[in-house]
Amino acid sequence: PLPSSTADDVAKASADAARAAGIEVFVVGVGADVNAAYLQT
């Protein structure tokens, strides 16, 4: 969601919340445009 500058931060916060709820989170990054270091977080 907007602002786009914080969209990655809020997505990671949602993943952290999922983990806190006991959910195991896997990510598959496809192609050369993904930020692999970010997606690993």
PDB file of all heavy atoms in Angstrom:
ATOM      1  N   PRO A   1       0.813  -1.211   0.000  1.00  0.00           N
ATOM      2  CA  PRO A   1       0.000   0.000   0.000  1.00  0.00           C
ATOM      3  C   PRO A   1       0.849   1.265   0.000  1.00  0.00           C
ATOM      4  O   PRO A   1       2.038   1.227   0.338  1.00  0.00           O
ATOM      5  CB  PRO A   1      -0.791  -0.119   1.302  1.00  0.00           C
ATOM      6  CG  PRO A   1       0.120  -0.900   2.212  1.00  0.00           C
ATOM      7  CD  PRO A   1       0.786  -1.907   1.301  1.00  0.00           C
ATOM      8  N   LEU A   2       0.234   2.357  -0.404  1.00  0.00           N
ATOM      9  CA  LEU A   2       0.917   3.640  -0.407  1.00  0.00           C
ATOM     10  C   LEU A   2       1.164   4.100   1.025  1.00  0.00           C
ATOM     11  O   LEU A   2       0.393   3.784   1.917  1.00  0.00           O
ATOM     12  CB  LEU A   2       0.071   4.675  -1.158  1.00  0.00           C
ATOM     13  CG  LEU A   2      -0.083   4.406  -2.661  1.00  0.00           C
ATOM     14  CD1 LEU A   2      -1.094   5.377  -3.271  1.00  0.00           C
ATOM     15  CD2 LEU A   2       1.261   4.494  -3.378  1.00  0.00           C
ATOM     16  N   PRO A   3       2.239   4.846   1.301  1.00  0.00           N
ATOM     17  CA  PRO A   3       3.252   5.262   0.328  1.00  0.00           C
ATOM     18  C   PRO A   3       4.142   4.096  -0.103  1.00  0.00           C
ATOM     19  O   PRO A   3       4.482   3.241   0.713  1.00  0.00           O
ATOM     20  CB  PRO A   3       4.053   6.327   1.074  1.00  0.00           C
ATOM     21  CG  PRO A   3       3.917   5.951   2.518  1.00  0.00           C
ATOM     22  CD  PRO A   3       2.525   5.371   2.653  1.00  0.00           C
ATOM     23  N   SER A   4       4.505   4.087  -1.364  1.00  0.00           N
ATOM     24  CA  SER A   4       5.284   2.975  -1.901  1.00  0.00           C
ATOM     25  C   SER A   4       6.646   2.843  -1.226  1.00  0.00           C
ATOM     26  O   SER A   4       7.222   1.753  -1.190  1.00  0.00           O
ATOM     27  CB  SER A   4       5.460   3.132  -3.411  1.00  0.00           C
ATOM     28  OG  SER A   4       6.102   4.350  -3.726  1.00  0.00           O
ATOM     29  N   SER A   5       7.140   3.955  -0.661  1.00  0.00           N
ATOM     30  CA  SER A   5       8.467   3.927  -0.032  1.00  0.00           C
ATOM     31  C   SER A   5       8.514   3.034   1.199  1.00  0.00           C
ATOM     32  O   SER A   5       9.600   2.587   1.603  1.00  0.00           O
ATOM     33  CB  SER A   5       8.886   5.351   0.351  1.00  0.00           C
ATOM     34  OG  SER A   5       7.945   5.928   1.256  1.00  0.00           O
ATOM     35  N   THR A   6       7.370   2.760   1.802  1.00  0.00           N
ATOM     36  CA  THR A   6       7.350   1.914   2.988  1.00  0.00           C
ATOM     37  C   THR A   6       6.639   0.576   2.737  1.00  0.00           C
ATOM     38  O   THR A   6       6.423  -0.198   3.677  1.00  0.00           O
ATOM     39  CB  THR A   6       6.656   2.619   4.168  1.00  0.00           C
ATOM     40  OG1 THR A   6       5.305   2.944   3.799  1.00  0.00           O
ATOM     41  CG2 THR A   6       7.403   3.893   4.549  1.00  0.00           C
ATOM     42  N   ALA A   7       6.290   0.289   1.482  1.00  0.00           N
ATOM     43  CA  ALA A   7       5.544  -0.931   1.177  1.00  0.00           C
ATOM     44  C   ALA A   7       6.328  -2.186   1.560  1.00  0.00           C
ATOM     45  O   ALA A   7       5.750  -3.189   2.000  1.00  0.00           O
ATOM     46  CB  ALA A   7       5.168  -0.972  -0.298  1.00  0.00           C
ATOM     47  N   ASP A   8       7.652  -2.136   1.376  1.00  0.00           N
ATOM     48  CA  ASP A   8       8.459  -3.304   1.749  1.00  0.00           C
ATOM     49  C   ASP A   8       8.511  -3.461   3.265  1.00  0.00           C
ATOM     50  O   ASP A   8       8.461  -4.588   3.785  1.00  0.00           O
ATOM     51  CB  ASP A   8       9.867  -3.223   1.151  1.00  0.00           C
ATOM     52  CG  ASP A   8      10.584  -1.928   1.476  1.00  0.00           C
ATOM     53  OD1 ASP A   8       9.941  -0.987   2.015  1.00  0.00           O
ATOM     54  OD2 ASP A   8      11.793  -1.830   1.177  1.00  0.00           O
ATOM     55  N   ASP A   9       8.570  -2.354   3.984  1.00  0.00           N
ATOM     56  CA  ASP A   9       8.628  -2.418   5.449  1.00  0.00           C
ATOM     57  C   ASP A   9       7.352  -3.019   6.031  1.00  0.00           C
ATOM     58  O   ASP A   9       7.409  -3.860   6.937  1.00  0.00           O
ATOM     59  CB  ASP A   9       8.850  -1.025   6.041  1.00  0.00           C
ATOM     60  CG  ASP A   9      10.183  -0.423   5.645  1.00  0.00           C
ATOM     61  OD1 ASP A   9      11.157  -1.186   5.514  1.00  0.00           O
ATOM     62  OD2 ASP A   9      10.251   0.802   5.467  1.00  0.00           O
ATOM     63  N   VAL A  10       6.188  -2.598   5.519  1.00  0.00           N
ATOM     64  CA  VAL A  10       4.936  -3.095   6.092  1.00  0.00           C
ATOM     65  C   VAL A  10       4.695  -4.552   5.698  1.00  0.00           C
ATOM     66  O   VAL A  10       4.083  -5.316   6.458  1.00  0.00           O
ATOM     67  CB  VAL A  10       3.734  -2.199   5.721  1.00  0.00           C
ATOM     68  CG1 VAL A  10       3.907  -0.814   6.324  1.00  0.00           C
ATOM     69  CG2 VAL A  10       3.518  -2.122   4.216  1.00  0.00           C
ATOM     70  N   ALA A  11       5.199  -4.955   4.525  1.00  0.00           N
ATOM     71  CA  ALA A  11       5.080  -6.363   4.136  1.00  0.00           C
ATOM     72  C   ALA A  11       5.921  -7.239   5.052  1.00  0.00           C
ATOM     73  O   ALA A  11       5.479  -8.316   5.494  1.00  0.00           O
ATOM     74  CB  ALA A  11       5.500  -6.556   2.684  1.00  0.00           C
ATOM     75  N   LYS A  12       7.139  -6.788   5.372  1.00  0.00           N
ATOM     76  CA  LYS A  12       7.974  -7.550   6.301  1.00  0.00           C
ATOM     77  C   LYS A  12       7.335  -7.597   7.686  1.00  0.00           C
ATOM     78  O   LYS A  12       7.360  -8.631   8.361  1.00  0.00           O
ATOM     79  CB  LYS A  12       9.370  -6.959   6.408  1.00  0.00           C
ATOM     80  CG  LYS A  12      10.275  -7.790   7.329  1.00  0.00           C
ATOM     81  CD  LYS A  12      11.591  -7.138   7.626  1.00  0.00           C
ATOM     82  CE  LYS A  12      12.461  -8.019   8.528  1.00  0.00           C
ATOM     83  NZ  LYS A  12      11.773  -8.403   9.785  1.00  0.00           N
ATOM     84  N   ALA A  13       6.725  -6.485   8.103  1.00  0.00           N
ATOM     85  CA  ALA A  13       6.054  -6.473   9.408  1.00  0.00           C
ATOM     86  C   ALA A  13       4.913  -7.486   9.428  1.00  0.00           C
ATOM     87  O   ALA A  13       4.677  -8.153  10.446  1.00  0.00           O
ATOM     88  CB  ALA A  13       5.535  -5.077   9.719  1.00  0.00           C
ATOM     89  N   SER A  14       4.211  -7.633   8.303  1.00  0.00           N
ATOM     90  CA  SER A  14       3.135  -8.621   8.229  1.00  0.00           C
ATOM     91  C   SER A  14       3.695 -10.042   8.300  1.00  0.00           C
ATOM     92  O   SER A  14       3.105 -10.920   8.930  1.00  0.00           O
ATOM     93  CB  SER A  14       2.329  -8.432   6.945  1.00  0.00           C
ATOM     94  OG  SER A  14       1.544  -7.262   7.025  1.00  0.00           O
ATOM     95  N   ALA A  15       4.835 -10.268   7.645  1.00  0.00           N
ATOM     96  CA  ALA A  15       5.478 -11.586   7.730  1.00  0.00           C
ATOM     97  C   ALA A  15       5.941 -11.863   9.152  1.00  0.00           C
ATOM     98  O   ALA A  15       5.811 -12.996   9.648  1.00  0.00           O
ATOM     99  CB  ALA A  15       6.653 -11.662   6.756  1.00  0.00           C
ATOM    100  N   ASP A  16       6.469 -10.840   9.833  1.00  0.00           N
ATOM    101  CA  ASP A  16       6.884 -11.001  11.227  1.00  0.00           C
ATOM    102  C   ASP A  16       5.690 -11.334  12.111  1.00  0.00           C
ATOM    103  O   ASP A  16       5.778 -12.165  13.027  1.00  0.00           O
ATOM    104  CB  ASP A  16       7.562  -9.724  11.734  1.00  0.00           C
ATOM    105  CG  ASP A  16       8.930  -9.497  11.119  1.00  0.00           C
ATOM    106  OD1 ASP A  16       9.522 -10.468  10.585  1.00  0.00           O
ATOM    107  OD2 ASP A  16       9.403  -8.346  11.143  1.00  0.00           O
ATOM    108  N   ALA A  17       4.544 -10.699  11.831  1.00  0.00           N
ATOM    109  CA  ALA A  17       3.333 -10.980  12.601  1.00  0.00           C
ATOM    110  C   ALA A  17       2.860 -12.413  12.365  1.00  0.00           C
ATOM    111  O   ALA A  17       2.384 -13.086  13.288  1.00  0.00           O
ATOM    112  CB  ALA A  17       2.235  -9.982  12.236  1.00  0.00           C
ATOM    113  N   ALA A  18       3.001 -12.884  11.133  1.00  0.00           N
ATOM    114  CA  ALA A  18       2.647 -14.266  10.827  1.00  0.00           C
ATOM    115  C   ALA A  18       3.525 -15.224  11.624  1.00  0.00           C
ATOM    116  O   ALA A  18       3.038 -16.199  12.211  1.00  0.00           O
ATOM    117  CB  ALA A  18       2.790 -14.532   9.329  1.00  0.00           C
ATOM    118  N   ARG A  19       4.830 -14.931  11.660  1.00  0.00           N
ATOM    119  CA  ARG A  19       5.746 -15.769  12.431  1.00  0.00           C
ATOM    120  C   ARG A  19       5.380 -15.771  13.905  1.00  0.00           C
ATOM    121  O   ARG A  19       5.410 -16.802  14.574  1.00  0.00           O
ATOM    122  CB  ARG A  19       7.191 -15.271  12.253  1.00  0.00           C
ATOM    123  CG  ARG A  19       7.933 -15.962  11.146  1.00  0.00           C
ATOM    124  CD  ARG A  19       9.376 -15.514  11.094  1.00  0.00           C
ATOM    125  NE  ARG A  19       9.524 -14.152  10.607  1.00  0.00           N
ATOM    126  CZ  ARG A  19       9.472 -13.815   9.329  1.00  0.00           C
ATOM    127  NH1 ARG A  19       9.257 -14.739   8.413  1.00  0.00           N
ATOM    128  NH2 ARG A  19       9.617 -12.570   8.943  1.00  0.00           N
ATOM    129  N   ALA A  20       5.039 -14.581  14.413  1.00  0.00           N
ATOM    130  CA  ALA A  20       4.670 -14.473  15.828  1.00  0.00           C
ATOM    131  C   ALA A  20       3.426 -15.293  16.137  1.00  0.00           C
ATOM    132  O   ALA A  20       3.231 -15.735  17.276  1.00  0.00           O
ATOM    133  CB  ALA A  20       4.444 -13.006  16.187  1.00  0.00           C
ATOM    134  N   ALA A  21       2.597 -15.531  15.115  1.00  0.00           N
ATOM    135  CA  ALA A  21       1.390 -16.340  15.277  1.00  0.00           C
ATOM    136  C   ALA A  21       1.673 -17.824  15.061  1.00  0.00           C
ATOM    137  O   ALA A  21       0.750 -18.637  15.056  1.00  0.00           O
ATOM    138  CB  ALA A  21       0.312 -15.869  14.308  1.00  0.00           C
ATOM    139  N   GLY A  22       2.950 -18.177  14.881  1.00  0.00           N
ATOM    140  CA  GLY A  22       3.331 -19.572  14.745  1.00  0.00           C
ATOM    141  C   GLY A  22       3.315 -20.106  13.326  1.00  0.00           C
ATOM    142  O   GLY A  22       3.327 -21.321  13.118  1.00  0.00           O
ATOM    143  N   ILE A  23       3.295 -19.209  12.346  1.00  0.00           N
ATOM    144  CA  ILE A  23       3.241 -19.613  10.931  1.00  0.00           C
ATOM    145  C   ILE A  23       4.650 -19.652  10.356  1.00  0.00           C
ATOM    146  O   ILE A  23       5.425 -18.703  10.508  1.00  0.00           O
ATOM    147  CB  ILE A  23       2.366 -18.634  10.127  1.00  0.00           C
ATOM    148  CG1 ILE A  23       0.938 -18.627  10.665  1.00  0.00           C
ATOM    149  CG2 ILE A  23       2.387 -18.975   8.637  1.00  0.00           C
ATOM    150  CD1 ILE A  23       0.076 -17.500  10.120  1.00  0.00           C
ATOM    151  N   GLU A  24       4.974 -20.746   9.680  1.00  0.00           N
ATOM    152  CA  GLU A  24       6.251 -20.880   8.988  1.00  0.00           C
ATOM    153  C   GLU A  24       6.125 -20.199   7.625  1.00  0.00           C
ATOM    154  O   GLU A  24       5.172 -20.470   6.887  1.00  0.00           O
ATOM    155  CB  GLU A  24       6.596 -22.354   8.827  1.00  0.00           C
ATOM    156  CG  GLU A  24       8.025 -22.631   8.377  1.00  0.00           C
ATOM    157  CD  GLU A  24       8.366 -24.120   8.442  1.00  0.00           C
ATOM    158  OE1 GLU A  24       7.455 -24.946   8.619  1.00  0.00           O
ATOM    159  OE2 GLU A  24       9.553 -24.438   8.310  1.00  0.00           O
ATOM    160  N   VAL A  25       7.055 -19.309   7.291  1.00  0.00           N
ATOM    161  CA  VAL A  25       6.953 -18.507   6.064  1.00  0.00           C
ATOM    162  C   VAL A  25       8.068 -18.869   5.092  1.00  0.00           C
ATOM    163  O   VAL A  25       9.255 -18.686   5.389  1.00  0.00           O
ATOM    164  CB  VAL A  25       6.991 -16.999   6.373  1.00  0.00           C
ATOM    165  CG1 VAL A  25       6.857 -16.181   5.085  1.00  0.00           C
ATOM    166  CG2 VAL A  25       5.884 -16.618   7.364  1.00  0.00           C
ATOM    167  N   PHE A  26       7.674 -19.379   3.933  1.00  0.00           N
ATOM    168  CA  PHE A  26       8.583 -19.667   2.828  1.00  0.00           C
ATOM    169  C   PHE A  26       8.371 -18.617   1.741  1.00  0.00           C
ATOM    170  O   PHE A  26       7.242 -18.150   1.537  1.00  0.00           O
ATOM    171  CB  PHE A  26       8.292 -21.044   2.219  1.00  0.00           C
ATOM    172  CG  PHE A  26       8.447 -22.202   3.153  1.00  0.00           C
ATOM    173  CD1 PHE A  26       7.410 -22.593   3.986  1.00  0.00           C
ATOM    174  CD2 PHE A  26       9.630 -22.937   3.184  1.00  0.00           C
ATOM    175  CE1 PHE A  26       7.534 -23.685   4.836  1.00  0.00           C
ATOM    176  CE2 PHE A  26       9.777 -24.029   4.029  1.00  0.00           C
ATOM    177  CZ  PHE A  26       8.728 -24.398   4.862  1.00  0.00           C
ATOM    178  N   VAL A  27       9.453 -18.261   1.029  1.00  0.00           N
ATOM    179  CA  VAL A  27       9.337 -17.311  -0.083  1.00  0.00           C
ATOM    180  C   VAL A  27      10.088 -17.853  -1.289  1.00  0.00           C
ATOM    181  O   VAL A  27      11.220 -18.338  -1.164  1.00  0.00           O
ATOM    182  CB  VAL A  27       9.901 -15.918   0.290  1.00  0.00           C
ATOM    183  CG1 VAL A  27       9.779 -14.958  -0.898  1.00  0.00           C
ATOM    184  CG2 VAL A  27       9.183 -15.341   1.507  1.00  0.00           C
ATOM    185  N   VAL A  28       9.454 -17.759  -2.462  1.00  0.00           N
ATOM    186  CA  VAL A  28      10.109 -18.065  -3.728  1.00  0.00           C
ATOM    187  C   VAL A  28      10.199 -16.775  -4.529  1.00  0.00           C
ATOM    188  O   VAL A  28       9.179 -16.175  -4.869  1.00  0.00           O
ATOM    189  CB  VAL A  28       9.324 -19.122  -4.530  1.00  0.00           C
ATOM    190  CG1 VAL A  28      10.055 -19.427  -5.844  1.00  0.00           C
ATOM    191  CG2 VAL A  28       9.138 -20.392  -3.713  1.00  0.00           C
ATOM    192  N   GLY A  29      11.421 -16.333  -4.794  1.00  0.00           N
ATOM    193  CA  GLY A  29      11.649 -15.152  -5.615  1.00  0.00           C
ATOM    194  C   GLY A  29      11.925 -15.561  -7.046  1.00  0.00           C
ATOM    195  O   GLY A  29      12.793 -16.383  -7.303  1.00  0.00           O
ATOM    196  N   VAL A  30      11.162 -14.983  -7.994  1.00  0.00           N
ATOM    197  CA  VAL A  30      11.245 -15.381  -9.394  1.00  0.00           C
ATOM    198  C   VAL A  30      11.862 -14.254 -10.225  1.00  0.00           C
ATOM    199  O   VAL A  30      11.386 -13.115 -10.186  1.00  0.00           O
ATOM    200  CB  VAL A  30       9.854 -15.728  -9.963  1.00  0.00           C
ATOM    201  CG1 VAL A  30       9.974 -16.226 -11.394  1.00  0.00           C
ATOM    202  CG2 VAL A  30       9.150 -16.764  -9.090  1.00  0.00           C
ATOM    203  N   GLY A  31      12.919 -14.575 -10.969  1.00  0.00           N
ATOM    204  CA  GLY A  31      13.498 -13.606 -11.895  1.00  0.00           C
ATOM    205  C   GLY A  31      14.577 -12.742 -11.282  1.00  0.00           C
ATOM    206  O   GLY A  31      14.931 -12.873 -10.106  1.00  0.00           O
ATOM    207  N   ALA A  32      15.071 -11.820 -12.114  1.00  0.00           N
ATOM    208  CA  ALA A  32      16.219 -10.998 -11.731  1.00  0.00           C
ATOM    209  C   ALA A  32      15.837  -9.698 -11.043  1.00  0.00           C
ATOM    210  O   ALA A  32      16.706  -8.974 -10.544  1.00  0.00           O
ATOM    211  CB  ALA A  32      17.055 -10.682 -12.969  1.00  0.00           C
ATOM    212  N   ASP A  33      14.550  -9.362 -11.015  1.00  0.00           N
ATOM    213  CA  ASP A  33      14.143  -8.061 -10.473  1.00  0.00           C
ATOM    214  C   ASP A  33      13.872  -8.094  -8.978  1.00  0.00           C
ATOM    215  O   ASP A  33      13.667  -7.047  -8.363  1.00  0.00           O
ATOM    216  CB  ASP A  33      12.884  -7.566 -11.197  1.00  0.00           C
ATOM    217  CG  ASP A  33      13.166  -7.208 -12.649  1.00  0.00           C
ATOM    218  OD1 ASP A  33      14.331  -6.878 -12.961  1.00  0.00           O
ATOM    219  OD2 ASP A  33      12.225  -7.282 -13.465  1.00  0.00           O
ATOM    220  N   VAL A  34      13.835  -9.291  -8.381  1.00  0.00           N
ATOM    221  CA  VAL A  34      13.537  -9.358  -6.952  1.00  0.00           C
ATOM    222  C   VAL A  34      14.757  -8.956  -6.127  1.00  0.00           C
ATOM    223  O   VAL A  34      15.902  -9.081  -6.572  1.00  0.00           O
ATOM    224  CB  VAL A  34      13.075 -10.770  -6.532  1.00  0.00           C
ATOM    225  CG1 VAL A  34      11.787 -11.147  -7.239  1.00  0.00           C
ATOM    226  CG2 VAL A  34      14.154 -11.809  -6.791  1.00  0.00           C
ATOM    227  N   ASN A  35      14.488  -8.467  -4.938  1.00  0.00           N
ATOM    228  CA  ASN A  35      15.544  -8.151  -3.972  1.00  0.00           C
ATOM    229  C   ASN A  35      15.668  -9.360  -3.044  1.00  0.00           C
ATOM    230  O   ASN A  35      14.935  -9.492  -2.070  1.00  0.00           O
ATOM    231  CB  ASN A  35      15.168  -6.886  -3.194  1.00  0.00           C
ATOM    232  CG  ASN A  35      16.234  -6.470  -2.191  1.00  0.00           C
ATOM    233  OD1 ASN A  35      17.056  -7.275  -1.768  1.00  0.00           O
ATOM    234  ND2 ASN A  35      16.218  -5.208  -1.810  1.00  0.00           N
ATOM    235  N   ALA A  36      16.591 -10.245  -3.386  1.00  0.00           N
ATOM    236  CA  ALA A  36      16.711 -11.508  -2.654  1.00  0.00           C
ATOM    237  C   ALA A  36      17.033 -11.277  -1.183  1.00  0.00           C
ATOM    238  O   ALA A  36      16.504 -11.972  -0.309  1.00  0.00           O
ATOM    239  CB  ALA A  36      17.773 -12.392  -3.301  1.00  0.00           C
ATOM    240  N   ALA A  37      17.894 -10.302  -0.902  1.00  0.00           N
ATOM    241  CA  ALA A  37      18.252 -10.038   0.495  1.00  0.00           C
ATOM    242  C   ALA A  37      17.029  -9.620   1.295  1.00  0.00           C
ATOM    243  O   ALA A  37      16.837 -10.049   2.445  1.00  0.00           O
ATOM    244  CB  ALA A  37      19.329  -8.963   0.564  1.00  0.00           C
ATOM    245  N   TYR A  38      16.179  -8.801   0.691  1.00  0.00           N
ATOM    246  CA  TYR A  38      14.945  -8.386   1.367  1.00  0.00           C
ATOM    247  C   TYR A  38      13.998  -9.562   1.557  1.00  0.00           C
ATOM    248  O   TYR A  38      13.452  -9.765   2.645  1.00  0.00           O
ATOM    249  CB  TYR A  38      14.259  -7.278   0.565  1.00  0.00           C
ATOM    250  CG  TYR A  38      12.818  -7.065   0.958  1.00  0.00           C
ATOM    251  CD1 TYR A  38      12.490  -6.478   2.181  1.00  0.00           C
ATOM    252  CD2 TYR A  38      11.782  -7.492   0.136  1.00  0.00           C
ATOM    253  CE1 TYR A  38      11.171  -6.313   2.566  1.00  0.00           C
ATOM    254  CE2 TYR A  38      10.458  -7.326   0.508  1.00  0.00           C
ATOM    255  CZ  TYR A  38      10.159  -6.734   1.730  1.00  0.00           C
ATOM    256  OH  TYR A  38       8.848  -6.586   2.105  1.00  0.00           O
ATOM    257  N   LEU A  39      13.800 -10.346   0.501  1.00  0.00           N
ATOM    258  CA  LEU A  39      12.846 -11.451   0.583  1.00  0.00           C
ATOM    259  C   LEU A  39      13.284 -12.506   1.595  1.00  0.00           C
ATOM    260  O   LEU A  39      12.444 -13.193   2.179  1.00  0.00           O
ATOM    261  CB  LEU A  39      12.634 -12.076  -0.792  1.00  0.00           C
ATOM    262  CG  LEU A  39      11.857 -11.221  -1.792  1.00  0.00           C
ATOM    263  CD1 LEU A  39      11.750 -11.925  -3.138  1.00  0.00           C
ATOM    264  CD2 LEU A  39      10.461 -10.864  -1.258  1.00  0.00           C
ATOM    265  N   GLN A  40      14.581 -12.623   1.830  1.00  0.00           N
ATOM    266  CA  GLN A  40      15.052 -13.542   2.866  1.00  0.00           C
ATOM    267  C   GLN A  40      14.634 -13.066   4.250  1.00  0.00           C
ATOM    268  O   GLN A  40      14.487 -13.873   5.174  1.00  0.00           O
ATOM    269  CB  GLN A  40      16.568 -13.706   2.790  1.00  0.00           C
ATOM    270  CG  GLN A  40      17.011 -14.540   1.602  1.00  0.00           C
ATOM    271  CD  GLN A  40      18.515 -14.695   1.525  1.00  0.00           C
ATOM    272  OE1 GLN A  40      19.196 -14.726   2.538  1.00  0.00           O
ATOM    273  NE2 GLN A  40      19.029 -14.790   0.318  1.00  0.00           N
ATOM    274  N   THR A  41      14.405 -11.751   4.412  1.00  0.00           N
ATOM    275  CA  THR A  41      13.913 -11.240   5.698  1.00  0.00           C
ATOM    276  C   THR A  41      12.408 -11.427   5.823  1.00  0.00           C
ATOM    277  O   THR A  41      11.878 -11.469   6.934  1.00  0.00           O
ATOM    278  CB  THR A  41      14.264  -9.753   5.895  1.00  0.00           C
ATOM    279  OG1 THR A  41      13.491  -8.935   5.008  1.00  0.00           O
ATOM    280  CG2 THR A  41      15.742  -9.507   5.661  1.00  0.00           C
TER     281      THR A  41
END
